[in-house]
C-alpha atoms as a PDB file:
ATOM      1  CA  MET A   1      82.935  94.482 103.596  1.00  0.00           C
ATOM      2  CA  LYS A   2      80.581  91.492 105.056  1.00  0.00           C
ATOM      3  CA  ARG A   3      81.632  88.463 107.242  1.00  0.00           C
ATOM      4  CA  PHE A   4      81.898  85.412 105.171  1.00  0.00           C
ATOM      5  CA  LYS A   5      80.203  82.660 106.445  1.00  0.00           C
ATOM      6  CA  TYR A   6      80.618  79.254 106.293  1.00  0.00           C
ATOM      7  CA  LEU A   7      77.756  76.462 106.032  1.00  0.00           C
ATOM      8  CA  ILE A   8      78.177  72.524 106.055  1.00  0.00           C
ATOM      9  CA  LEU A   9      75.834  70.754 104.007  1.00  0.00           C
ATOM     10  CA  LEU A  10      75.702  66.823 104.707  1.00  0.00           C
ATOM     11  CA  LEU A  11      72.873  65.084 102.694  1.00  0.00           C
ATOM     12  CA  THR A  12      71.328  62.070 104.058  1.00  0.00           C
ATOM     13  CA  THR A  13      68.574  60.185 102.179  1.00  0.00           C
ATOM     14  CA  THR A  14      66.730  57.623 104.003  1.00  0.00           C
ATOM     15  CA  VAL A  15      63.430  56.234 102.730  1.00  0.00           C
ATOM     16  CA  PHE A  16      61.033  54.303 105.009  1.00  0.00           C
ATOM     17  CA  GLY A  17      57.526  53.136 105.028  1.00  0.00           C
ATOM     18  CA  ASN A  18      53.947  54.671 105.713  1.00  0.00           C
ATOM     19  CA  PHE A  19      53.775  55.241 109.786  1.00  0.00           C
ATOM     20  CA  SER A  20      50.907  56.775 111.577  1.00  0.00           C
ATOM     21  CA  CYS A  21      53.563  58.572 114.185  1.00  0.00           C
ATOM     22  CA  HIS A  22      56.546  58.987 115.099  1.00  0.00           C
ATOM     23  CA  GLU A  23      58.450  60.618 117.777  1.00  0.00           C
ATOM     24  CA  PRO A  24      61.717  62.884 117.407  1.00  0.00           C
ATOM     25  CA  ILE A  25      65.039  61.138 118.084  1.00  0.00           C
ATOM     26  CA  ASP A  26      68.205  63.162 119.837  1.00  0.00           C
ATOM     27  CA  ILE A  27      71.039  62.073 118.638  1.00  0.00           C
ATOM     28  CA  THR A  28      74.720  63.360 119.885  1.00  0.00           C
ATOM     29  CA  VAL A  29      77.302  63.752 117.225  1.00  0.00           C
ATOM     30  CA  PRO A  30      80.798  62.883 119.260  1.00  0.00           C
ATOM     31  CA  ASP A  31      83.270  65.481 118.895  1.00  0.00           C
ATOM     32  CA  THR A  32      85.732  62.743 117.430  1.00  0.00           C
ATOM     33  CA  GLN A  33      83.691  62.971 114.402  1.00  0.00           C
ATOM     34  CA  LYS A  34      83.737  66.698 114.239  1.00  0.00           C
ATOM     35  CA  LYS A  35      85.459  69.063 111.964  1.00  0.00           C
ATOM     36  CA  ILE A  36      87.218  72.167 112.663  1.00  0.00           C
ATOM     37  CA  VAL A  37      85.971  74.891 110.682  1.00  0.00           C
ATOM     38  CA  LEU A  38      88.053  77.700 109.817  1.00  0.00           C
ATOM     39  CA  ASN A  39      87.255  80.747 108.043  1.00  0.00           C
ATOM     40  CA  GLY A  40      89.905  83.819 107.305  1.00  0.00           C
ATOM     41  CA  LEU A  41      89.939  86.600 104.708  1.00  0.00           C
ATOM     42  CA  ILE A  42      93.718  87.984 105.447  1.00  0.00           C
ATOM     43  CA  ASN A  43      95.076  91.165 103.275  1.00  0.00           C
ATOM     44  CA  PRO A  44      97.872  93.835 103.553  1.00  0.00           C
ATOM     45  CA  ASP A  45      95.670  96.383 104.958  1.00  0.00           C
ATOM     46  CA  SER A  46      94.780  94.420 108.311  1.00  0.00           C
ATOM     47  CA  THR A  47      96.389  92.083 110.530  1.00  0.00           C
ATOM     48  CA  VAL A  48      95.615  88.408 110.199  1.00  0.00           C
ATOM     49  CA  LYS A  49      92.147  87.439 111.898  1.00  0.00           C
ATOM     50  CA  ILE A  50      90.617  83.903 111.232  1.00  0.00           C
ATOM     51  CA  ASN A  51      87.155  82.255 112.922  1.00  0.00           C
ATOM     52  CA  LEU A  52      87.198  78.656 114.229  1.00  0.00           C
ATOM     53  CA  SER A  53      84.489  77.052 115.213  1.00  0.00           C
ATOM     54  CA  LYS A  54      83.552  73.382 115.037  1.00  0.00           C
ATOM     55  CA  SER A  55      81.179  71.895 112.194  1.00  0.00           C
ATOM     56  CA  ILE A  56      77.902  70.412 112.704  1.00  0.00           C
ATOM     57  CA  SER A  57      75.808  67.549 111.815  1.00  0.00           C
ATOM     58  CA  ILE A  58      72.684  67.357 110.126  1.00  0.00           C
ATOM     59  CA  LEU A  59      72.133  64.689 112.441  1.00  0.00           C
ATOM     60  CA  GLU A  60      72.054  67.201 115.466  1.00  0.00           C
ATOM     61  CA  ASN A  61      68.878  69.786 116.550  1.00  0.00           C
ATOM     62  CA  ASP A  62      70.479  72.324 117.570  1.00  0.00           C
ATOM     63  CA  ASP A  63      71.853  74.257 114.864  1.00  0.00           C
ATOM     64  CA  LYS A  64      73.981  76.940 117.218  1.00  0.00           C
ATOM     65  CA  ILE A  65      77.287  77.185 116.357  1.00  0.00           C
ATOM     66  CA  THR A  66      79.741  75.995 118.588  1.00  0.00           C
ATOM     67  CA  PHE A  67      82.956  78.725 118.323  1.00  0.00           C
ATOM     68  CA  LEU A  68      86.619  77.153 119.623  1.00  0.00           C
ATOM     69  CA  GLU A  69      87.963  79.281 122.663  1.00  0.00           C
ATOM     70  CA  SER A  70      91.086  77.370 123.644  1.00  0.00           C
ATOM     71  CA  ALA A  71      92.780  75.813 120.115  1.00  0.00           C
ATOM     72  CA  THR A  72      96.299  76.804 119.424  1.00  0.00           C
ATOM     73  CA  VAL A  73      96.589  78.933 116.110  1.00  0.00           C
ATOM     74  CA  MET A  74     100.229  79.296 114.701  1.00  0.00           C
ATOM     75  CA  LEU A  75     100.809  81.825 111.329  1.00  0.00           C
ATOM     76  CA  TYR A  76     103.971  80.983 108.955  1.00  0.00           C
ATOM     77  CA  GLU A  77     105.330  83.070 106.495  1.00  0.00           C
ATOM     78  CA  ASN A  78     107.101  81.557 103.570  1.00  0.00           C
ATOM     79  CA  ASP A  79     107.418  78.440 106.170  1.00  0.00           C
ATOM     80  CA  ILE A  80     109.069  80.297 108.484  1.00  0.00           C
ATOM     81  CA  PHE A  81     106.865  80.226 112.005  1.00  0.00           C
ATOM     82  CA  LYS A  82     105.686  84.132 112.613  1.00  0.00           C
ATOM     83  CA  GLU A  83     103.447  84.178 115.645  1.00  0.00           C
ATOM     84  CA  ASN A  84     100.461  82.583 117.476  1.00  0.00           C
ATOM     85  CA  LEU A  85      97.151  84.101 116.820  1.00  0.00           C
ATOM     86  CA  GLN A  86      95.792  84.892 120.375  1.00  0.00           C
ATOM     87  CA  TYR A  87      92.003  84.288 121.062  1.00  0.00           C
ATOM     88  CA  ASP A  88      89.288  87.392 120.964  1.00  0.00           C
ATOM     89  CA  THR A  89      85.906  86.749 121.069  1.00  0.00           C
ATOM     90  CA  ASN A  90      82.934  84.977 119.126  1.00  0.00           C
ATOM     91  CA  GLY A  91      85.397  82.249 117.696  1.00  0.00           C
ATOM     92  CA  TYR A  92      88.035  84.923 116.459  1.00  0.00           C
ATOM     93  CA  TYR A  93      91.999  84.923 116.534  1.00  0.00           C
ATOM     94  CA  ARG A  94      94.276  87.877 115.767  1.00  0.00           C
ATOM     95  CA  CYS A  95      97.628  88.829 115.077  1.00  0.00           C
ATOM     96  CA  SER A  96     100.003  91.330 114.788  1.00  0.00           C
ATOM     97  CA  VAL A  97     101.432  90.787 111.476  1.00  0.00           C
ATOM     98  CA  TYR A  98     100.089  92.522 108.472  1.00  0.00           C
ATOM     99  CA  PRO A  99     100.117  89.984 105.407  1.00  0.00           C
ATOM    100  CA  GLN A 100     102.665  90.874 102.493  1.00  0.00           C
ATOM    101  CA  ILE A 101     102.297  91.014  98.956  1.00  0.00           C
ATOM    102  CA  GLY A 102     104.368  88.271  97.239  1.00  0.00           C
ATOM    103  CA  LYS A 103     104.630  85.766  99.959  1.00  0.00           C
ATOM    104  CA  THR A 104     102.493  83.232 101.021  1.00  0.00           C
ATOM    105  CA  TYR A 105     100.471  81.868 104.629  1.00  0.00           C
ATOM    106  CA  LYS A 106     100.033  78.943 106.222  1.00  0.00           C
ATOM    107  CA  ILE A 107      97.530  78.478 109.353  1.00  0.00           C
ATOM    108  CA  THR A 108      97.674  75.935 111.616  1.00  0.00           C
ATOM    109  CA  ALA A 109      95.000  75.342 114.193  1.00  0.00           C
ATOM    110  CA  GLU A 110      94.673  72.037 117.084  1.00  0.00           C
ATOM    111  CA  ASN A 111      92.040  72.194 119.364  1.00  0.00           C
ATOM    112  CA  SER A 112      91.909  68.179 120.856  1.00  0.00           C
ATOM    113  CA  PRO A 113      89.550  66.191 120.207  1.00  0.00           C
ATOM    114  CA  LEU A 114      88.997  67.601 116.828  1.00  0.00           C
ATOM    115  CA  ASP A 115      91.727  66.964 113.870  1.00  0.00           C
ATOM    116  CA  ALA A 116      94.081  69.204 113.538  1.00  0.00           C
ATOM    117  CA  VAL A 117      93.398  71.240 110.583  1.00  0.00           C
ATOM    118  CA  ASP A 118      96.392  73.624 108.553  1.00  0.00           C
ATOM    119  CA  ALA A 119      95.822  75.917 105.029  1.00  0.00           C
ATOM    120  CA  GLU A 120      98.043  77.875 102.717  1.00  0.00           C
ATOM    121  CA  THR A 121      97.327  80.789 100.995  1.00  0.00           C
ATOM    122  CA  GLU A 122      99.439  83.453  99.052  1.00  0.00           C
ATOM    123  CA  ILE A 123      99.150  87.286  98.841  1.00  0.00           C
ATOM    124  CA  LEU A 124      98.766  88.525  95.088  1.00  0.00           C
ATOM    125  CA  PRO A 125      99.689  91.938  93.791  1.00  0.00           C
ATOM    126  CA  GLU A 126      97.496  94.455  93.722  1.00  0.00           C
ATOM    127  CA  PRO A 127      95.268  94.623  90.602  1.00  0.00           C
ATOM    128  CA  ILE A 128      95.785  97.942  87.908  1.00  0.00           C
ATOM    129  CA  ILE A 129      93.169 100.297  87.241  1.00  0.00           C
ATOM    130  CA  SER A 130      93.709 101.803  84.413  1.00  0.00           C
ATOM    131  CA  SER A 131      90.759 104.555  84.408  1.00  0.00           C
ATOM    132  CA  ILE A 132      87.511 105.229  85.728  1.00  0.00           C
ATOM    133  CA  ASN A 133      84.839 107.147  83.878  1.00  0.00           C
ATOM    134  CA  SER A 134      81.673 107.724  85.616  1.00  0.00           C
ATOM    135  CA  GLN A 135      78.437 109.636  84.666  1.00  0.00           C
ATOM    136  CA  ALA A 136      75.780 110.153  86.759  1.00  0.00           C
ATOM    137  CA  GLU A 137      71.824 111.407  86.160  1.00  0.00           C
ATOM    138  CA  PHE A 138      69.535 113.591  88.853  1.00  0.00           C
ATOM    139  CA  TYR A 139      66.037 114.882  89.203  1.00  0.00           C
ATOM    140  CA  SER A 140      64.844 116.852  91.237  1.00  0.00           C
ATOM    141  CA  GLU A 141      61.947 116.886  93.761  1.00  0.00           C
ATOM    142  CA  ILE A 142      60.544 119.621  95.417  1.00  0.00           C
ATOM    143  CA  GLN A 143      59.270 118.895  99.481  1.00  0.00           C
ATOM    144  CA  THR A 144      57.475 121.133 101.529  1.00  0.00           C
ATOM    145  CA  TRP A 145      58.251 121.823 105.308  1.00  0.00           C
ATOM    146  CA  TYR A 146      56.445 123.303 108.140  1.00  0.00           C
ATOM    147  CA  ASN A 147      58.136 125.788 110.843  1.00  0.00           C
ATOM    148  CA  GLU A 148      56.282 125.068 113.986  1.00  0.00           C
ATOM    149  CA  GLU A 149      56.913 128.670 115.332  1.00  0.00           C
ATOM    150  CA  THR A 150      55.891 130.747 112.551  1.00  0.00           C
ATOM    151  CA  GLY A 151      53.355 128.259 110.958  1.00  0.00           C
ATOM    152  CA  GLU A 152      55.115 129.258 107.448  1.00  0.00           C
ATOM    153  CA  HIS A 153      55.339 126.595 104.720  1.00  0.00           C
ATOM    154  CA  PHE A 154      58.228 126.978 102.558  1.00  0.00           C
ATOM    155  CA  ASP A 155      59.653 124.778  99.725  1.00  0.00           C
ATOM    156  CA  THR A 156      62.719 122.685  99.236  1.00  0.00           C
ATOM    157  CA  THR A 157      64.061 121.129  96.356  1.00  0.00           C
ATOM    158  CA  ILE A 158      66.112 118.371  96.610  1.00  0.00           C
ATOM    159  CA  ASN A 159      68.722 116.658  94.236  1.00  0.00           C
ATOM    160  CA  ILE A 160      68.104 113.120  93.981  1.00  0.00           C
ATOM    161  CA  LEU A 161      70.402 110.624  92.325  1.00  0.00           C
ATOM    162  CA  ASN A 162      68.436 108.721  89.600  1.00  0.00           C
ATOM    163  CA  ARG A 163      71.444 106.506  88.156  1.00  0.00           C
ATOM    164  CA  LEU A 164      74.981 106.065  88.103  1.00  0.00           C
ATOM    165  CA  ASN A 165      76.820 104.241  85.432  1.00  0.00           C
ATOM    166  CA  ILE A 166      80.689 103.415  86.299  1.00  0.00           C
ATOM    167  CA  ASP A 167      83.056 102.474  83.518  1.00  0.00           C
ATOM    168  CA  LEU A 168      86.120 100.684  85.006  1.00  0.00           C
ATOM    169  CA  THR A 169      89.305  99.584  83.093  1.00  0.00           C
ATOM    170  CA  LEU A 170      91.936  96.927  84.245  1.00  0.00           C
ATOM    171  CA  GLN A 171      95.064  95.930  82.893  1.00  0.00           C
ATOM    172  CA  ASP A 172      95.600  92.227  83.261  1.00  0.00           C
ATOM    173  CA  PRO A 173      98.620  90.629  83.459  1.00  0.00           C
ATOM    174  CA  GLY A 174      99.672  88.126  80.665  1.00  0.00           C
ATOM    175  CA  ASN A 175     100.878  84.728  80.383  1.00  0.00           C
ATOM    176  CA  GLN A 176      98.851  83.543  83.584  1.00  0.00           C
ATOM    177  CA  THR A 177      95.192  83.253  85.370  1.00  0.00           C
ATOM    178  CA  ASN A 178      93.904  86.107  87.161  1.00  0.00           C
ATOM    179  CA  TRP A 179      90.939  85.738  90.080  1.00  0.00           C
ATOM    180  CA  TYR A 180      88.880  89.400  90.550  1.00  0.00           C
ATOM    181  CA  PHE A 181      86.254  90.347  93.010  1.00  0.00           C
ATOM    182  CA  LEU A 182      84.729  93.973  92.302  1.00  0.00           C
ATOM    183  CA  THR A 183      82.938  96.042  94.438  1.00  0.00           C
ATOM    184  CA  PHE A 184      81.365  99.520  95.162  1.00  0.00           C
ATOM    185  CA  SER A 185      81.026 101.341  98.736  1.00  0.00           C
ATOM    186  CA  ALA A 186      79.854 104.405  99.746  1.00  0.00           C
ATOM    187  CA  ILE A 187      80.311 107.381 102.196  1.00  0.00           C
ATOM    188  CA  ILE A 188      76.574 108.380 103.124  1.00  0.00           C
ATOM    189  CA  PRO A 189      75.904 112.107 104.782  1.00  0.00           C
ATOM    190  CA  GLN A 190      73.515 111.138 107.626  1.00  0.00           C
ATOM    191  CA  TYR A 191      71.145 114.086 108.491  1.00  0.00           C
ATOM    192  CA  GLU A 192      68.735 114.807 111.141  1.00  0.00           C
ATOM    193  CA  TYR A 193      65.529 117.142 110.668  1.00  0.00           C
ATOM    194  CA  LEU A 194      65.327 119.162 114.101  1.00  0.00           C
ATOM    195  CA  PRO A 195      62.107 121.921 114.843  1.00  0.00           C
ATOM    196  CA  PRO A 196      61.513 124.511 114.780  1.00  0.00           C
ATOM    197  CA  ASP A 197      62.383 124.539 110.769  1.00  0.00           C
ATOM    198  CA  TYR A 198      63.208 121.112 109.890  1.00  0.00           C
ATOM    199  CA  GLU A 199      66.289 122.206 107.902  1.00  0.00           C
ATOM    200  CA  PRO A 200      68.650 119.211 107.844  1.00  0.00           C
ATOM    201  CA  GLU A 201      71.291 119.209 109.929  1.00  0.00           C
ATOM    202  CA  PHE A 202      74.644 117.056 109.003  1.00  0.00           C
ATOM    203  CA  SER A 203      75.328 114.512 111.706  1.00  0.00           C
ATOM    204  CA  GLY A 204      77.874 111.771 110.523  1.00  0.00           C
ATOM    205  CA  ASN A 205      78.839 109.452 107.650  1.00  0.00           C
ATOM    206  CA  LYS A 206      77.974 106.106 107.288  1.00  0.00           C
ATOM    207  CA  MET A 207      79.728 103.456 105.014  1.00  0.00           C
ATOM    208  CA  THR A 208      77.599 101.151 102.839  1.00  0.00           C
ATOM    209  CA  SER A 209      78.233  98.518 100.198  1.00  0.00           C
ATOM    210  CA  LEU A 210      76.262  99.042  97.336  1.00  0.00           C
ATOM    211  CA  ASP A 211      74.464  96.666  94.807  1.00  0.00           C
ATOM    212  CA  TYR A 212      75.288  97.522  91.118  1.00  0.00           C
ATOM    213  CA  ASN A 213      75.076  95.365  87.655  1.00  0.00           C
ATOM    214  CA  ALA A 214      77.207  94.597  85.378  1.00  0.00           C
ATOM    215  CA  ASN A 215      76.570  95.094  81.868  1.00  0.00           C
ATOM    216  CA  ASN A 216      78.893  93.659  79.965  1.00  0.00           C
ATOM    217  CA  LEU A 217      80.690  90.620  81.688  1.00  0.00           C
ATOM    218  CA  ASN A 218      80.353  87.212  79.818  1.00  0.00           C
ATOM    219  CA  TRP A 219      78.128  84.883  81.897  1.00  0.00           C
ATOM    220  CA  LYS A 220      80.591  82.106  81.547  1.00  0.00           C
ATOM    221  CA  ASN A 221      83.270  83.462  83.288  1.00  0.00           C
ATOM    222  CA  TYR A 222      81.486  85.736  86.073  1.00  0.00           C
ATOM    223  CA  PHE A 223      79.314  85.089  89.103  1.00  0.00           C
ATOM    224  CA  TYR A 224      77.349  87.223  91.328  1.00  0.00           C
ATOM    225  CA  SER A 225      77.626  86.989  94.805  1.00  0.00           C
ATOM    226  CA  ARG A 226      74.526  88.528  96.773  1.00  0.00           C
ATOM    227  CA  GLU A 227      76.194  87.644 100.137  1.00  0.00           C
ATOM    228  CA  LEU A 228      79.052  89.812  98.970  1.00  0.00           C
ATOM    229  CA  ASN A 229      77.071  92.358  96.936  1.00  0.00           C
ATOM    230  CA  GLY A 230      79.543  91.879  94.296  1.00  0.00           C
ATOM    231  CA  TYR A 231      81.184  89.818  91.063  1.00  0.00           C
ATOM    232  CA  VAL A 232      84.082  87.443  90.679  1.00  0.00           C
ATOM    233  CA  PHE A 233      85.619  87.148  87.293  1.00  0.00           C
ATOM    234  CA  SER A 234      88.284  85.401  85.561  1.00  0.00           C
ATOM    235  CA  ASP A 235      90.406  87.456  83.127  1.00  0.00           C
ATOM    236  CA  ASN A 236      89.548  83.904  80.534  1.00  0.00           C
ATOM    237  CA  LEU A 237      88.869  86.490  77.590  1.00  0.00           C
ATOM    238  CA  PHE A 238      91.057  89.337  78.206  1.00  0.00           C
ATOM    239  CA  ASN A 239      94.743  87.857  79.708  1.00  0.00           C
ATOM    240  CA  GLY A 240      97.281  90.019  79.001  1.00  0.00           C
ATOM    241  CA  SER A 241      95.234  93.013  77.733  1.00  0.00           C
ATOM    242  CA  SER A 242      93.057  95.542  78.981  1.00  0.00           C
ATOM    243  CA  TYR A 243      89.385  95.319  79.599  1.00  0.00           C
ATOM    244  CA  THR A 244      86.669  97.730  80.852  1.00  0.00           C
ATOM    245  CA  ILE A 245      83.576  97.054  82.704  1.00  0.00           C
ATOM    246  CA  ASN A 246      80.712  98.663  82.233  1.00  0.00           C
ATOM    247  CA  THR A 247      78.059  98.946  85.413  1.00  0.00           C
ATOM    248  CA  ASP A 248      75.030 100.344  86.749  1.00  0.00           C
ATOM    249  CA  VAL A 249      75.112 101.179  90.669  1.00  0.00           C
ATOM    250  CA  TYR A 250      72.013 101.118  91.919  1.00  0.00           C
ATOM    251  CA  ALA A 251      71.407 104.513  93.103  1.00  0.00           C
ATOM    252  CA  ASN A 252      68.964 103.713  95.966  1.00  0.00           C
ATOM    253  CA  ALA A 253      71.371 103.587  98.283  1.00  0.00           C
ATOM    254  CA  ILE A 254      73.219 107.051  97.829  1.00  0.00           C
ATOM    255  CA  ASN A 255      70.584 109.411  97.272  1.00  0.00           C
ATOM    256  CA  GLY A 256      71.516 112.588  98.964  1.00  0.00           C
ATOM    257  CA  ASN A 257      69.979 116.172  98.968  1.00  0.00           C
ATOM    258  CA  SER A 258      71.312 119.762  97.689  1.00  0.00           C
ATOM    259  CA  SER A 259      75.218 120.895  99.556  1.00  0.00           C
ATOM    260  CA  SER A 260      75.753 117.309  99.547  1.00  0.00           C
ATOM    261  CA  VAL A 261      79.141 115.148  98.457  1.00  0.00           C
ATOM    262  CA  ASP A 262      78.620 111.567  98.084  1.00  0.00           C
ATOM    263  CA  THR A 263      82.128 109.361  97.337  1.00  0.00           C
ATOM    264  CA  VAL A 264      81.711 106.231  96.127  1.00  0.00           C
ATOM    265  CA  PHE A 265      84.452 103.691  96.464  1.00  0.00           C
ATOM    266  CA  VAL A 266      85.444 101.527  94.019  1.00  0.00           C
ATOM    267  CA  ASN A 267      87.023  98.685  94.848  1.00  0.00           C
ATOM    268  CA  LEU A 268      88.889  96.244  92.754  1.00  0.00           C
ATOM    269  CA  HIS A 269      90.564  92.876  94.726  1.00  0.00           C
ATOM    270  CA  SER A 270      92.860  90.297  93.042  1.00  0.00           C
ATOM    271  CA  ILE A 271      91.721  87.104  94.705  1.00  0.00           C
ATOM    272  CA  THR A 272      92.617  83.556  94.531  1.00  0.00           C
ATOM    273  CA  GLU A 273      91.345  80.597  92.616  1.00  0.00           C
ATOM    274  CA  ASP A 274      90.466  79.282  95.713  1.00  0.00           C
ATOM    275  CA  PHE A 275      88.323  82.459  97.109  1.00  0.00           C
ATOM    276  CA  TYR A 276      86.780  82.194  93.533  1.00  0.00           C
ATOM    277  CA  GLN A 277      85.735  78.746  93.559  1.00  0.00           C
ATOM    278  CA  TYR A 278      84.504  79.225  97.212  1.00  0.00           C
ATOM    279  CA  VAL A 279      82.290  82.112  96.209  1.00  0.00           C
ATOM    280  CA  ILE A 280      80.802  80.651  93.257  1.00  0.00           C
ATOM    281  CA  SER A 281      79.904  77.554  95.287  1.00  0.00           C
ATOM    282  CA  TYR A 282      78.204  79.048  98.090  1.00  0.00           C
ATOM    283  CA  SER A 283      76.498  81.272  95.885  1.00  0.00           C
ATOM    284  CA  LYS A 284      75.216  78.331  94.325  1.00  0.00           C
ATOM    285  CA  TYR A 285      74.223  76.551  97.574  1.00  0.00           C
ATOM    286  CA  GLN A 286      72.333  79.225  98.471  1.00  0.00           C
ATOM    287  CA  ASP A 287      70.147  79.143  95.114  1.00  0.00           C
ATOM    288  CA  VAL A 288      69.295  75.232  95.960  1.00  0.00           C
ATOM    289  CA  GLU A 289      69.078  75.719  99.397  1.00  0.00           C
ATOM    290  CA  GLY A 290      65.767  74.154 100.649  1.00  0.00           C
ATOM    291  CA  ASN A 291      64.601  72.942  97.679  1.00  0.00           C
ATOM    292  CA  PRO A 292      64.812  69.321  97.756  1.00  0.00           C
ATOM    293  CA  LEU A 293      64.558  68.600  94.078  1.00  0.00           C
ATOM    294  CA  ALA A 294      68.191  70.063  93.017  1.00  0.00           C
ATOM    295  CA  GLU A 295      71.296  68.651  92.719  1.00  0.00           C
ATOM    296  CA  PRO A 296      72.875  68.987  95.982  1.00  0.00           C
ATOM    297  CA  VAL A 297      76.063  71.586  96.281  1.00  0.00           C
ATOM    298  CA  ASN A 298      79.524  70.920  97.434  1.00  0.00           C
ATOM    299  CA  ILE A 299      80.904  74.340  98.956  1.00  0.00           C
ATOM    300  CA  MET A 300      84.448  73.963  97.863  1.00  0.00           C
ATOM    301  CA  SER A 301      87.099  74.530 100.738  1.00  0.00           C
ATOM    302  CA  ASN A 302      90.816  74.278 100.913  1.00  0.00           C
ATOM    303  CA  ILE A 303      91.607  73.104 104.801  1.00  0.00           C
ATOM    304  CA  ASN A 304      93.237  70.175 105.223  1.00  0.00           C
ATOM    305  CA  ASN A 305      90.707  67.464 107.567  1.00  0.00           C
ATOM    306  CA  GLY A 306      88.532  70.185 107.572  1.00  0.00           C
ATOM    307  CA  PHE A 307      86.024  72.882 106.470  1.00  0.00           C
ATOM    308  CA  GLY A 308      86.251  76.413 105.452  1.00  0.00           C
ATOM    309  CA  VAL A 309      88.104  78.564 103.270  1.00  0.00           C
ATOM    310  CA  PHE A 310      91.426  80.236 104.147  1.00  0.00           C
ATOM    311  CA  SER A 311      92.366  83.169 101.359  1.00  0.00           C
ATOM    312  CA  GLY A 312      94.509  86.278 100.394  1.00  0.00           C
ATOM    313  CA  TYR A 313      93.987  89.550  98.368  1.00  0.00           C
ATOM    314  CA  SER A 314      95.102  92.370  97.737  1.00  0.00           C
ATOM    315  CA  THR A 315      93.361  95.609  96.699  1.00  0.00           C
ATOM    316  CA  LYS A 316      93.226  98.383  94.514  1.00  0.00           C
ATOM    317  CA  THR A 317      90.616 101.615  95.501  1.00  0.00           C
ATOM    318  CA  ASP A 318      89.891 104.602  93.184  1.00  0.00           C
ATOM    319  CA  THR A 319      86.580 106.980  94.306  1.00  0.00           C
ATOM    320  CA  VAL A 320      83.699 108.750  91.829  1.00  0.00           C
ATOM    321  CA  ILE A 321      82.609 111.657  93.487  1.00  0.00           C
ATOM    322  CA  ILE A 322      79.062 113.141  93.120  1.00  0.00           C
ATOM    323  CA  ASP A 323      78.718 116.560  93.692  1.00  0.00           C
ATOM    324  CA  TYR A 324      74.854 117.677  94.293  1.00  0.00           C
ATOM    325  CA  ASP A 325      75.725 121.166  94.263  1.00  0.00           C
ATOM    326  CA  THR A 326      76.611 121.069  90.392  1.00  0.00           C
ATOM    327  CA  VAL A 327      73.082 120.639  89.629  1.00  0.00           C
ATOM    328  CA  GLN A 328      71.273 122.784  87.731  1.00  0.00           C
END
């Protein structure tokens, strides 16, 4: 999955008269006016990792991110101290704790002279996937190859995925609001085409995220994130019942050739409301960035005394196998 980036938007509008010339003014904003930016998404499948940096004022000419390398970072589980996070690189701090479903986690960070920050989140139960149905459509393409040793030309038929439709049915718990995030990823076989005959030779697998379109999510209750290649949505219309999401996965990223099997991973995440609101606000911010006529968008933050987002999630993954050998 891709790394979250938190952008601080400080919008200052100043109206001047008309001047015939102007000179740039370098302004140094003291650290006492800056904040810690803390970003972290935690889940039971990996140890806790967060990123710390220093906020950037719009008054500064340098947009380079300053990572904090000497902070004191502490993790609490259900209000009980668990472990200090140790600095790694590029602002990342790590520890050996695997978060557990049903527990709450608090993170604190201190880096003088900046104000200390803290944030809290929980790890929700895994979502329930009732069923997955898929339908793949292919087309065939004839490619001509050349043997350098014999001078012979020969044709090879390549089966190419034209369309992949996936129906995912989830079972939503009742008597509470739930938020979800749906992504698709795939293992793509890689090939080298070597002389003399340029027959494909398998060289390894590559994991990639996949774009898709959800055909039947209600527009009032979902939001697509270009940054994350997925939709976040709430259970507002199907609380306590099953719901089927119909999706078309873009096939251009998962085309293979004959004798290859591609595995598409269907990843349904249970997310917190903080995560849900953060993705929506960040996506809206991207939509208006650079437009002076648009309404300013404040990016959601749940970091006390600072900026960023700290949130937990859990994931249920299922698979769809695309077997090109079955194409007639």
